[in-house]
Amino acid sequence: MNSLSNEELVKCIQDAIDLLENYRMFGPIVEEGIAAFTKINTCVIDPTPEARKEAKALISEMQSQIGPYKGMVPQVAVALEKLEKWSKEE
């Protein structure tokens, strides 16, 4: 059983995107984060095995990049933690 429903994950993703929109001027890493969250959102809505694999790779990459920024965007870090748990569920 999923710890979070897909609806809750979609809301979490959208909240993270909304927050990142405020940081667009800080450079391409923010744009890439928004694009990755958008793609992950699609995967959450339609979690085929291929989509889950792609989402897992994106989540892992984002987890490695957010390290120094966790304090600035804690909501994004929490979203990634929830998504990481989702990506490990079958």
N, C-alpha and C. Protein backbone atom coordinates (compact mmCIF):
# COMPACT_ATOMS: atom_id res chain seq x y z
N MET A 1 0.84 -1.19 0.00
CA MET A 1 0.00 0.00 0.00
C MET A 1 0.88 1.25 0.00
N ASN A 2 0.53 2.22 -0.80
CA ASN A 2 1.32 3.45 -0.89
C ASN A 2 1.18 4.26 0.39
N SER A 3 2.28 4.85 0.84
CA SER A 3 2.24 5.70 2.01
C SER A 3 1.54 7.02 1.69
N LEU A 4 1.64 7.46 0.47
CA LEU A 4 0.95 8.67 0.02
C LEU A 4 0.16 8.33 -1.22
N SER A 5 -1.02 8.91 -1.33
CA SER A 5 -1.80 8.68 -2.54
C SER A 5 -1.17 9.46 -3.69
N ASN A 6 -1.51 9.07 -4.90
CA ASN A 6 -1.01 9.80 -6.07
C ASN A 6 -1.45 11.25 -6.03
N GLU A 7 -2.68 11.50 -5.55
CA GLU A 7 -3.16 12.89 -5.45
C GLU A 7 -2.28 13.70 -4.52
N GLU A 8 -1.89 13.10 -3.39
CA GLU A 8 -1.03 13.80 -2.43
C GLU A 8 0.35 14.06 -3.03
N LEU A 9 0.87 13.09 -3.77
CA LEU A 9 2.17 13.28 -4.42
C LEU A 9 2.10 14.37 -5.48
N VAL A 10 1.02 14.37 -6.27
CA VAL A 10 0.86 15.40 -7.31
C VAL A 10 0.81 16.79 -6.67
N LYS A 11 0.09 16.93 -5.55
CA LYS A 11 0.02 18.22 -4.85
C LYS A 11 1.40 18.61 -4.32
N CYS A 12 2.11 17.65 -3.77
CA CYS A 12 3.45 17.89 -3.24
C CYS A 12 4.38 18.38 -4.36
N ILE A 13 4.30 17.73 -5.52
CA ILE A 13 5.11 18.11 -6.67
C ILE A 13 4.74 19.52 -7.12
N GLN A 14 3.46 19.81 -7.22
CA GLN A 14 3.03 21.13 -7.67
C GLN A 14 3.47 22.21 -6.70
N ASP A 15 3.40 21.92 -5.40
CA ASP A 15 3.87 22.89 -4.40
C ASP A 15 5.37 23.16 -4.58
N ALA A 16 6.14 22.12 -4.86
CA ALA A 16 7.58 22.29 -5.08
C ALA A 16 7.84 23.12 -6.34
N ILE A 17 7.09 22.84 -7.40
CA ILE A 17 7.24 23.62 -8.64
C ILE A 17 6.89 25.08 -8.39
N ASP A 18 5.80 25.31 -7.67
CA ASP A 18 5.39 26.69 -7.36
C ASP A 18 6.48 27.43 -6.60
N LEU A 19 7.11 26.75 -5.65
CA LEU A 19 8.19 27.37 -4.90
C LEU A 19 9.39 27.67 -5.80
N LEU A 20 9.76 26.70 -6.63
CA LEU A 20 10.92 26.89 -7.51
C LEU A 20 10.70 28.00 -8.53
N GLU A 21 9.46 28.22 -8.91
CA GLU A 21 9.16 29.32 -9.85
C GLU A 21 9.71 30.65 -9.33
N ASN A 22 9.75 30.82 -8.01
CA ASN A 22 10.25 32.06 -7.41
C ASN A 22 11.77 32.19 -7.53
N TYR A 23 12.45 31.11 -7.89
CA TYR A 23 13.91 31.10 -7.96
C TYR A 23 14.44 30.97 -9.39
N ARG A 24 13.57 31.09 -10.38
CA ARG A 24 13.99 30.93 -11.79
C ARG A 24 15.20 31.79 -12.14
N MET A 25 15.28 32.98 -11.59
CA MET A 25 16.36 33.90 -11.95
C MET A 25 17.73 33.43 -11.47
N PHE A 26 17.77 32.37 -10.66
CA PHE A 26 19.05 31.88 -10.13
C PHE A 26 19.78 30.95 -11.09
N GLY A 27 19.17 30.66 -12.23
CA GLY A 27 19.93 29.92 -13.22
C GLY A 27 19.30 28.64 -13.71
N PRO A 28 20.05 27.97 -14.58
CA PRO A 28 19.52 26.79 -15.27
C PRO A 28 19.20 25.62 -14.34
N ILE A 29 19.87 25.53 -13.19
CA ILE A 29 19.59 24.40 -12.30
C ILE A 29 18.14 24.45 -11.81
N VAL A 30 17.61 25.65 -11.64
CA VAL A 30 16.21 25.79 -11.21
C VAL A 30 15.27 25.38 -12.35
N GLU A 31 15.60 25.83 -13.55
CA GLU A 31 14.81 25.43 -14.73
C GLU A 31 14.80 23.91 -14.88
N GLU A 32 15.97 23.31 -14.70
CA GLU A 32 16.08 21.86 -14.81
C GLU A 32 15.26 21.16 -13.72
N GLY A 33 15.25 21.73 -12.53
CA GLY A 33 14.47 21.17 -11.44
C GLY A 33 12.97 21.22 -11.73
N ILE A 34 12.52 22.34 -12.26
CA ILE A 34 11.11 22.48 -12.62
C ILE A 34 10.74 21.47 -13.70
N ALA A 35 11.60 21.34 -14.70
CA ALA A 35 11.35 20.39 -15.79
C ALA A 35 11.33 18.95 -15.26
N ALA A 36 12.25 18.64 -14.35
CA ALA A 36 12.30 17.28 -13.78
C ALA A 36 11.05 16.99 -12.95
N PHE A 37 10.63 17.95 -12.13
CA PHE A 37 9.41 17.76 -11.34
C PHE A 37 8.20 17.58 -12.25
N THR A 38 8.16 18.32 -13.33
CA THR A 38 7.05 18.20 -14.29
C THR A 38 7.03 16.79 -14.89
N LYS A 39 8.18 16.28 -15.24
CA LYS A 39 8.27 14.93 -15.81
C LYS A 39 7.92 13.88 -14.75
N ILE A 40 8.41 14.06 -13.54
CA ILE A 40 8.09 13.13 -12.46
C ILE A 40 6.59 13.12 -12.20
N ASN A 41 5.97 14.29 -12.26
CA ASN A 41 4.53 14.39 -12.07
C ASN A 41 3.79 13.52 -13.08
N THR A 42 4.22 13.57 -14.33
CA THR A 42 3.62 12.74 -15.38
C THR A 42 3.78 11.26 -15.02
N CYS A 43 4.94 10.90 -14.50
CA CYS A 43 5.21 9.51 -14.13
C CYS A 43 4.35 9.06 -12.94
N VAL A 44 4.10 9.97 -12.01
CA VAL A 44 3.25 9.64 -10.85
C VAL A 44 1.81 9.42 -11.31
N ILE A 45 1.36 10.25 -12.23
CA ILE A 45 -0.01 10.13 -12.73
C ILE A 45 -0.21 8.83 -13.51
N ASP A 46 0.80 8.44 -14.28
CA ASP A 46 0.72 7.21 -15.09
C ASP A 46 1.97 6.37 -14.81
N PRO A 47 1.98 5.66 -13.67
CA PRO A 47 3.19 4.97 -13.22
C PRO A 47 3.47 3.62 -13.89
N THR A 48 3.71 3.67 -15.19
CA THR A 48 4.11 2.44 -15.88
C THR A 48 5.51 2.05 -15.38
N PRO A 49 5.92 0.82 -15.59
CA PRO A 49 7.28 0.43 -15.15
C PRO A 49 8.37 1.33 -15.74
N GLU A 50 8.22 1.70 -17.01
CA GLU A 50 9.21 2.57 -17.63
C GLU A 50 9.19 3.97 -17.01
N ALA A 51 7.98 4.47 -16.74
CA ALA A 51 7.85 5.80 -16.14
C ALA A 51 8.44 5.82 -14.74
N ARG A 52 8.19 4.77 -13.97
CA ARG A 52 8.75 4.69 -12.61
C ARG A 52 10.28 4.67 -12.67
N LYS A 53 10.82 3.96 -13.63
CA LYS A 53 12.28 3.89 -13.78
C LYS A 53 12.84 5.27 -14.11
N GLU A 54 12.18 5.96 -15.03
CA GLU A 54 12.62 7.31 -15.39
C GLU A 54 12.50 8.27 -14.20
N ALA A 55 11.38 8.18 -13.49
CA ALA A 55 11.17 9.04 -12.33
C ALA A 55 12.23 8.77 -11.27
N LYS A 56 12.53 7.50 -11.04
CA LYS A 56 13.53 7.14 -10.03
C LYS A 56 14.88 7.76 -10.37
N ALA A 57 15.26 7.72 -11.65
CA ALA A 57 16.53 8.31 -12.08
C ALA A 57 16.52 9.84 -11.87
N LEU A 58 15.41 10.48 -12.21
CA LEU A 58 15.31 11.93 -12.03
C LEU A 58 15.36 12.30 -10.55
N ILE A 59 14.64 11.54 -9.73
CA ILE A 59 14.61 11.81 -8.29
C ILE A 59 16.01 11.66 -7.71
N SER A 60 16.72 10.62 -8.10
CA SER A 60 18.07 10.39 -7.61
C SER A 60 19.00 11.53 -8.00
N GLU A 61 18.90 11.96 -9.24
CA GLU A 61 19.73 13.07 -9.72
C GLU A 61 19.42 14.36 -8.94
N MET A 62 18.14 14.61 -8.74
CA MET A 62 17.75 15.82 -8.01
C MET A 62 18.19 15.76 -6.56
N GLN A 63 18.12 14.57 -5.95
CA GLN A 63 18.58 14.41 -4.56
C GLN A 63 20.06 14.77 -4.45
N SER A 64 20.85 14.37 -5.44
CA SER A 64 22.29 14.66 -5.38
C SER A 64 22.58 16.14 -5.60
N GLN A 65 21.71 16.83 -6.32
CA GLN A 65 21.95 18.25 -6.62
C GLN A 65 21.43 19.19 -5.54
N ILE A 66 20.44 18.76 -4.77
CA ILE A 66 19.80 19.69 -3.83
C ILE A 66 20.61 19.90 -2.56
N GLY A 67 21.54 19.03 -2.27
CA GLY A 67 22.31 19.08 -1.02
C GLY A 67 22.54 20.46 -0.44
N PRO A 68 23.31 21.31 -1.13
CA PRO A 68 23.64 22.61 -0.54
C PRO A 68 22.46 23.58 -0.48
N TYR A 69 21.36 23.25 -1.12
CA TYR A 69 20.22 24.18 -1.19
C TYR A 69 19.06 23.77 -0.29
N LYS A 70 19.20 22.67 0.43
CA LYS A 70 18.09 22.16 1.25
C LYS A 70 17.53 23.22 2.19
N GLY A 71 18.41 24.01 2.78
CA GLY A 71 17.97 25.04 3.72
C GLY A 71 17.19 26.16 3.05
N MET A 72 17.49 26.42 1.78
CA MET A 72 16.81 27.48 1.05
C MET A 72 15.44 27.04 0.55
N VAL A 73 15.32 25.76 0.21
CA VAL A 73 14.07 25.24 -0.36
C VAL A 73 13.68 23.94 0.35
N PRO A 74 13.40 24.01 1.67
CA PRO A 74 13.09 22.79 2.40
C PRO A 74 11.87 22.05 1.87
N GLN A 75 10.93 22.78 1.32
CA GLN A 75 9.72 22.17 0.75
C GLN A 75 10.09 21.26 -0.42
N VAL A 76 11.06 21.66 -1.20
CA VAL A 76 11.53 20.86 -2.33
C VAL A 76 12.23 19.61 -1.80
N ALA A 77 13.04 19.76 -0.76
CA ALA A 77 13.74 18.62 -0.18
C ALA A 77 12.74 17.60 0.37
N VAL A 78 11.70 18.06 1.03
CA VAL A 78 10.66 17.17 1.56
C VAL A 78 9.94 16.46 0.41
N ALA A 79 9.64 17.19 -0.64
CA ALA A 79 8.99 16.58 -1.81
C ALA A 79 9.86 15.47 -2.39
N LEU A 80 11.16 15.71 -2.48
CA LEU A 80 12.06 14.69 -3.01
C LEU A 80 12.13 13.47 -2.10
N GLU A 81 12.09 13.68 -0.79
CA GLU A 81 12.10 12.55 0.14
C GLU A 81 10.85 11.70 -0.05
N LYS A 82 9.70 12.35 -0.18
CA LYS A 82 8.44 11.62 -0.39
C LYS A 82 8.47 10.88 -1.72
N LEU A 83 8.98 11.54 -2.74
CA LEU A 83 9.06 10.91 -4.06
C LEU A 83 10.05 9.74 -4.07
N GLU A 84 11.13 9.88 -3.31
CA GLU A 84 12.09 8.78 -3.23
C GLU A 84 11.42 7.56 -2.61
N LYS A 85 10.65 7.76 -1.55
CA LYS A 85 9.91 6.64 -0.94
C LYS A 85 8.94 6.03 -1.95
N TRP A 86 8.22 6.87 -2.69
CA TRP A 86 7.29 6.39 -3.70
C TRP A 86 8.02 5.57 -4.76
N SER A 87 9.20 6.04 -5.18
CA SER A 87 9.93 5.36 -6.26
C SER A 87 10.42 3.98 -5.84
N LYS A 88 10.54 3.75 -4.54
CA LYS A 88 11.01 2.45 -4.05
C LYS A 88 9.87 1.47 -3.81
N GLU A 89 8.64 1.97 -3.83
CA GLU A 89 7.49 1.10 -3.66
C GLU A 89 7.20 0.35 -4.96
N GLU A 90 6.61 -0.79 -4.84
CA GLU A 90 6.27 -1.55 -6.03
C GLU A 90 4.79 -1.46 -6.32
